[in-house]
Amino acid sequence: MKEKILVPTHEIRREMTVVNSRFIATLVPASSVEAARALINRVHKEFPDANHHVPAFIIGHGASQVAHCSDAGEPAGSAGRPALAVLQGSGLGDVVVVITRYFGGTKLGVGGLVRAYGDAVRRVVSEVPRACKVMAHKVRMVYAYPLLERMRLLVPVHSGQVLAEDFGAEVSMTASFPVENLPDFEHDLAELTSGMVHVEILETGEIQFPMDKPE
């Protein structure tokens, strides 16, 4: 894939303690500003007795990207900006993080807060499963049974995913491919099947391809 848009696949929460202060970082996928704000409100309600709830989010990509952060009562520049900077450096989009702090009785100073909030976000970012969001074709192919295993091997070579297989008189496979990868797949498919198997495009849209681990 020429351009990878990375997004988190599900919610993750991690906690750490710094000089008796608890920092609870909650990271969640969010495809809109409204979804991000809903998560922020949810965390407020979940930890109503916390001293601070520091939010940061990045929604969208490219020219349409919206980024936001707040210090949420912490000293200016000590919380929201470090959190957002880690998100921006991670390459993730469509993501919101809220760092909940329970004050432990000892002030950390601005430098200590910058490190603590940054480290809290780094931890969840380093552990969250990711996916590539791309424009993709959903396709169908019908072929004879002797081709089954070779087709299953060929699809992932071109970053494709097998979505379904129906077994009748022949095999009907439904798969998805990044738009830019489909021409090369069709070329190899023609060589493999001597031009006997054709690709029918069913629909085109934005989908997520899971990645094994954060990069």
Protein backbone atom coordinates (compact mmCIF):
# COMPACT_ATOMS: atom_id res chain seq x y z
CA MET A 1 0.00 0.00 0.00
CA LYS A 2 1.48 3.33 -1.01
CA GLU A 3 -0.25 5.38 1.70
CA LYS A 4 -1.18 3.86 5.02
CA ILE A 5 -3.80 5.56 7.18
CA LEU A 6 -3.44 3.95 10.59
CA VAL A 7 -6.35 3.71 13.02
CA PRO A 8 -6.82 1.90 16.34
CA THR A 9 -9.09 -1.14 16.15
CA HIS A 10 -10.58 -1.05 19.65
CA GLU A 11 -10.47 0.54 23.08
CA ILE A 12 -7.49 0.11 25.37
CA ARG A 13 -6.82 1.39 28.89
CA ARG A 14 -3.61 1.42 30.89
CA GLU A 15 -2.72 2.87 34.29
CA MET A 16 0.53 4.06 35.82
CA THR A 17 1.55 5.78 39.05
CA VAL A 18 3.96 8.73 39.26
CA VAL A 19 4.86 9.97 42.77
CA ASN A 20 1.53 8.65 44.12
CA SER A 21 -0.55 10.28 41.37
CA ARG A 22 -2.56 7.80 39.28
CA PHE A 23 -2.68 8.36 35.53
CA ILE A 24 -5.33 6.30 33.70
CA ALA A 25 -5.12 6.57 29.91
CA THR A 26 -8.13 5.48 27.85
CA LEU A 27 -7.66 5.32 24.06
CA VAL A 28 -10.62 4.69 21.76
CA PRO A 29 -11.25 4.73 17.98
CA ALA A 30 -13.39 7.71 16.95
CA SER A 31 -14.49 8.53 13.41
CA SER A 32 -16.01 11.93 14.24
CA VAL A 33 -15.59 14.82 16.64
CA GLU A 34 -18.97 13.90 18.12
CA ALA A 35 -17.75 10.37 18.87
CA ALA A 36 -14.59 11.76 20.47
CA ARG A 37 -16.55 14.11 22.71
CA ALA A 38 -18.88 11.26 23.68
CA LEU A 39 -15.88 9.27 24.89
CA ILE A 40 -14.59 12.24 26.86
CA ASN A 41 -17.98 12.60 28.57
CA ARG A 42 -18.11 8.86 29.27
CA VAL A 43 -14.76 8.92 31.04
CA HIS A 44 -15.84 11.93 33.12
CA LYS A 45 -18.86 9.94 34.31
CA GLU A 46 -16.81 6.80 34.90
CA PHE A 47 -14.31 8.60 37.15
CA PRO A 48 -16.35 11.49 38.61
CA ASP A 49 -14.03 11.97 41.59
CA ALA A 50 -10.82 12.35 39.55
CA ASN A 51 -8.91 15.63 39.70
CA HIS A 52 -8.35 15.98 35.95
CA HIS A 53 -9.52 14.44 32.67
CA VAL A 54 -7.08 15.53 29.95
CA PRO A 55 -8.36 14.91 26.39
CA ALA A 56 -6.62 14.83 23.03
CA PHE A 57 -7.95 13.64 19.71
CA ILE A 58 -7.18 13.49 16.00
CA ILE A 59 -10.11 13.00 13.65
CA GLY A 60 -9.82 12.62 9.88
CA HIS A 61 -6.77 12.77 7.65
CA GLY A 62 -4.98 15.23 5.40
CA ALA A 63 -6.54 18.63 4.84
CA SER A 64 -9.73 17.64 6.67
CA GLN A 65 -7.97 16.57 9.88
CA VAL A 66 -9.21 18.02 13.17
CA ALA A 67 -6.87 17.96 16.19
CA HIS A 68 -7.82 19.07 19.69
CA CYS A 69 -6.43 18.98 23.21
CA SER A 70 -7.05 20.59 26.59
CA ASP A 71 -5.04 20.94 29.79
CA ALA A 72 -8.25 20.38 31.78
CA GLY A 73 -7.14 22.49 34.73
CA GLU A 74 -3.48 21.45 34.74
CA PRO A 75 -0.83 24.19 34.23
CA ALA A 76 -0.86 25.58 30.69
CA GLY A 77 1.04 23.41 28.23
CA SER A 78 1.72 20.62 30.75
CA ALA A 79 -0.91 18.04 29.78
CA GLY A 80 -2.98 18.40 26.61
CA ARG A 81 -0.16 19.40 24.29
CA PRO A 82 2.19 16.58 25.35
CA ALA A 83 -0.67 14.09 24.95
CA LEU A 84 -1.56 15.39 21.50
CA ALA A 85 2.09 15.45 20.44
CA VAL A 86 2.40 11.73 21.20
CA LEU A 87 -0.76 10.99 19.20
CA GLN A 88 0.54 13.01 16.26
CA GLY A 89 3.89 11.23 16.38
CA SER A 90 2.21 7.82 16.43
CA GLY A 91 0.78 8.14 12.92
CA LEU A 92 -2.68 7.22 14.21
CA GLY A 93 -5.83 8.97 13.06
CA ASP A 94 -9.48 8.73 14.10
CA VAL A 95 -8.35 8.38 17.70
CA VAL A 96 -9.18 9.95 21.05
CA VAL A 97 -7.36 9.57 24.35
CA VAL A 98 -8.38 10.76 27.79
CA ILE A 99 -5.86 10.73 30.63
CA THR A 100 -7.56 10.68 34.02
CA ARG A 101 -5.45 11.87 36.95
CA TYR A 102 -5.95 11.27 40.63
CA PHE A 103 -3.66 13.68 42.49
CA GLY A 104 -1.40 11.85 44.94
CA GLY A 105 -0.53 14.74 47.22
CA THR A 106 2.83 15.70 45.70
CA LYS A 107 3.10 18.31 42.96
CA LEU A 108 5.03 17.08 39.92
CA GLY A 109 5.89 20.47 38.44
CA VAL A 110 5.34 21.38 34.81
CA GLY A 111 8.22 19.22 33.60
CA GLY A 112 7.02 16.24 35.60
CA LEU A 113 3.49 16.63 34.26
CA VAL A 114 4.72 16.87 30.67
CA ARG A 115 6.61 13.60 31.12
CA ALA A 116 3.79 11.86 32.96
CA TYR A 117 1.04 12.74 30.47
CA GLY A 118 3.30 11.99 27.52
CA ASP A 119 4.32 8.62 28.99
CA ALA A 120 0.70 7.69 29.75
CA VAL A 121 -0.26 8.21 26.10
CA ARG A 122 2.89 6.51 24.81
CA ARG A 123 1.98 3.39 26.73
CA VAL A 124 -1.51 2.98 25.26
CA VAL A 125 -0.29 3.98 21.79
CA SER A 126 2.46 1.35 21.91
CA GLU A 127 0.03 -1.42 22.85
CA VAL A 128 -3.14 -0.68 20.89
CA PRO A 129 -3.84 -2.95 17.88
CA ARG A 130 -3.93 -1.06 14.60
CA ALA A 131 -5.45 -1.34 11.17
CA CYS A 132 -4.80 0.30 7.81
CA LYS A 133 -7.78 2.25 6.55
CA VAL A 134 -7.84 2.24 2.74
CA MET A 135 -10.20 2.49 -0.21
CA ALA A 136 -10.86 -1.06 -1.32
CA HIS A 137 -12.81 -3.11 -3.85
CA LYS A 138 -15.04 -5.92 -2.67
CA VAL A 139 -14.91 -8.55 -5.42
CA ARG A 140 -16.24 -11.98 -6.34
CA MET A 141 -14.51 -14.75 -8.28
CA VAL A 142 -15.87 -18.13 -9.35
CA TYR A 143 -13.47 -20.98 -10.09
CA ALA A 144 -13.02 -24.76 -10.11
CA TYR A 145 -12.06 -26.67 -6.97
CA PRO A 146 -8.50 -27.56 -8.08
CA LEU A 147 -7.67 -23.83 -7.86
CA LEU A 148 -8.90 -23.42 -4.28
CA GLU A 149 -5.60 -23.59 -2.38
CA ARG A 150 -3.69 -21.55 -4.95
CA MET A 151 -6.38 -18.85 -4.85
CA ARG A 152 -6.19 -18.75 -1.05
CA LEU A 153 -2.44 -18.24 -1.32
CA LEU A 154 -2.61 -15.62 -4.08
CA VAL A 155 -5.10 -13.28 -2.40
CA PRO A 156 -2.90 -12.23 0.59
CA VAL A 157 0.11 -11.73 -1.69
CA HIS A 158 -1.71 -8.61 -2.93
CA SER A 159 -2.87 -7.45 0.53
CA GLY A 160 -6.27 -9.01 -0.05
CA GLN A 161 -8.61 -10.57 2.49
CA VAL A 162 -10.88 -13.54 1.86
CA LEU A 163 -14.30 -12.53 3.19
CA ALA A 164 -16.37 -15.59 2.26
CA GLU A 165 -16.28 -18.83 0.30
CA ASP A 166 -19.36 -20.61 -1.04
CA PHE A 167 -19.00 -24.19 -2.18
CA GLY A 168 -21.37 -25.34 -4.89
CA ALA A 169 -20.65 -26.76 -8.31
CA GLU A 170 -17.70 -24.35 -8.20
CA VAL A 171 -16.11 -22.18 -5.53
CA SER A 172 -17.40 -18.62 -5.23
CA MET A 173 -14.93 -16.47 -3.30
CA THR A 174 -15.67 -12.97 -2.01
CA ALA A 175 -12.58 -10.94 -1.16
CA SER A 176 -11.44 -7.35 -0.66
CA PHE A 177 -8.36 -5.61 -2.08
CA PRO A 178 -6.93 -2.12 -1.74
CA VAL A 179 -7.92 -0.27 -4.92
CA GLU A 180 -4.29 0.19 -5.97
CA ASN A 181 -3.51 -3.53 -5.52
CA LEU A 182 -6.29 -5.00 -7.63
CA PRO A 183 -4.66 -4.55 -11.09
CA ASP A 184 -1.58 -6.56 -10.06
CA PHE A 185 -3.80 -9.24 -8.56
CA GLU A 186 -5.79 -9.48 -11.78
CA HIS A 187 -2.55 -9.82 -13.75
CA ASP A 188 -1.34 -12.70 -11.58
CA LEU A 189 -4.80 -14.26 -11.58
CA ALA A 190 -4.83 -14.28 -15.38
CA GLU A 191 -1.45 -16.03 -15.41
CA LEU A 192 -2.53 -18.57 -12.78
CA THR A 193 -5.81 -19.46 -14.49
CA SER A 194 -4.89 -18.82 -18.15
CA GLY A 195 -7.49 -16.06 -18.19
CA MET A 196 -10.33 -18.38 -17.21
CA VAL A 197 -11.23 -16.66 -13.90
CA HIS A 198 -12.51 -13.09 -13.87
CA VAL A 199 -12.91 -10.53 -11.11
CA GLU A 200 -16.35 -9.00 -10.56
CA ILE A 201 -16.27 -5.77 -8.53
CA LEU A 202 -19.24 -5.73 -6.17
CA GLU A 203 -18.63 -2.43 -4.39
CA THR A 204 -15.94 0.07 -3.46
CA GLY A 205 -15.53 1.75 -0.10
CA GLU A 206 -13.31 2.45 2.88
CA ILE A 207 -12.34 -0.59 4.93
CA GLN A 208 -9.77 -1.59 7.54
CA PHE A 209 -7.02 -4.15 7.07
CA PRO A 210 -5.74 -5.39 10.47
CA MET A 211 -2.03 -5.15 11.19
CA ASP A 212 -0.19 -7.68 13.34
CA LYS A 213 1.30 -5.12 15.74
CA PRO A 214 2.07 -1.40 16.08
CA GLU A 215 4.93 -0.17 13.90
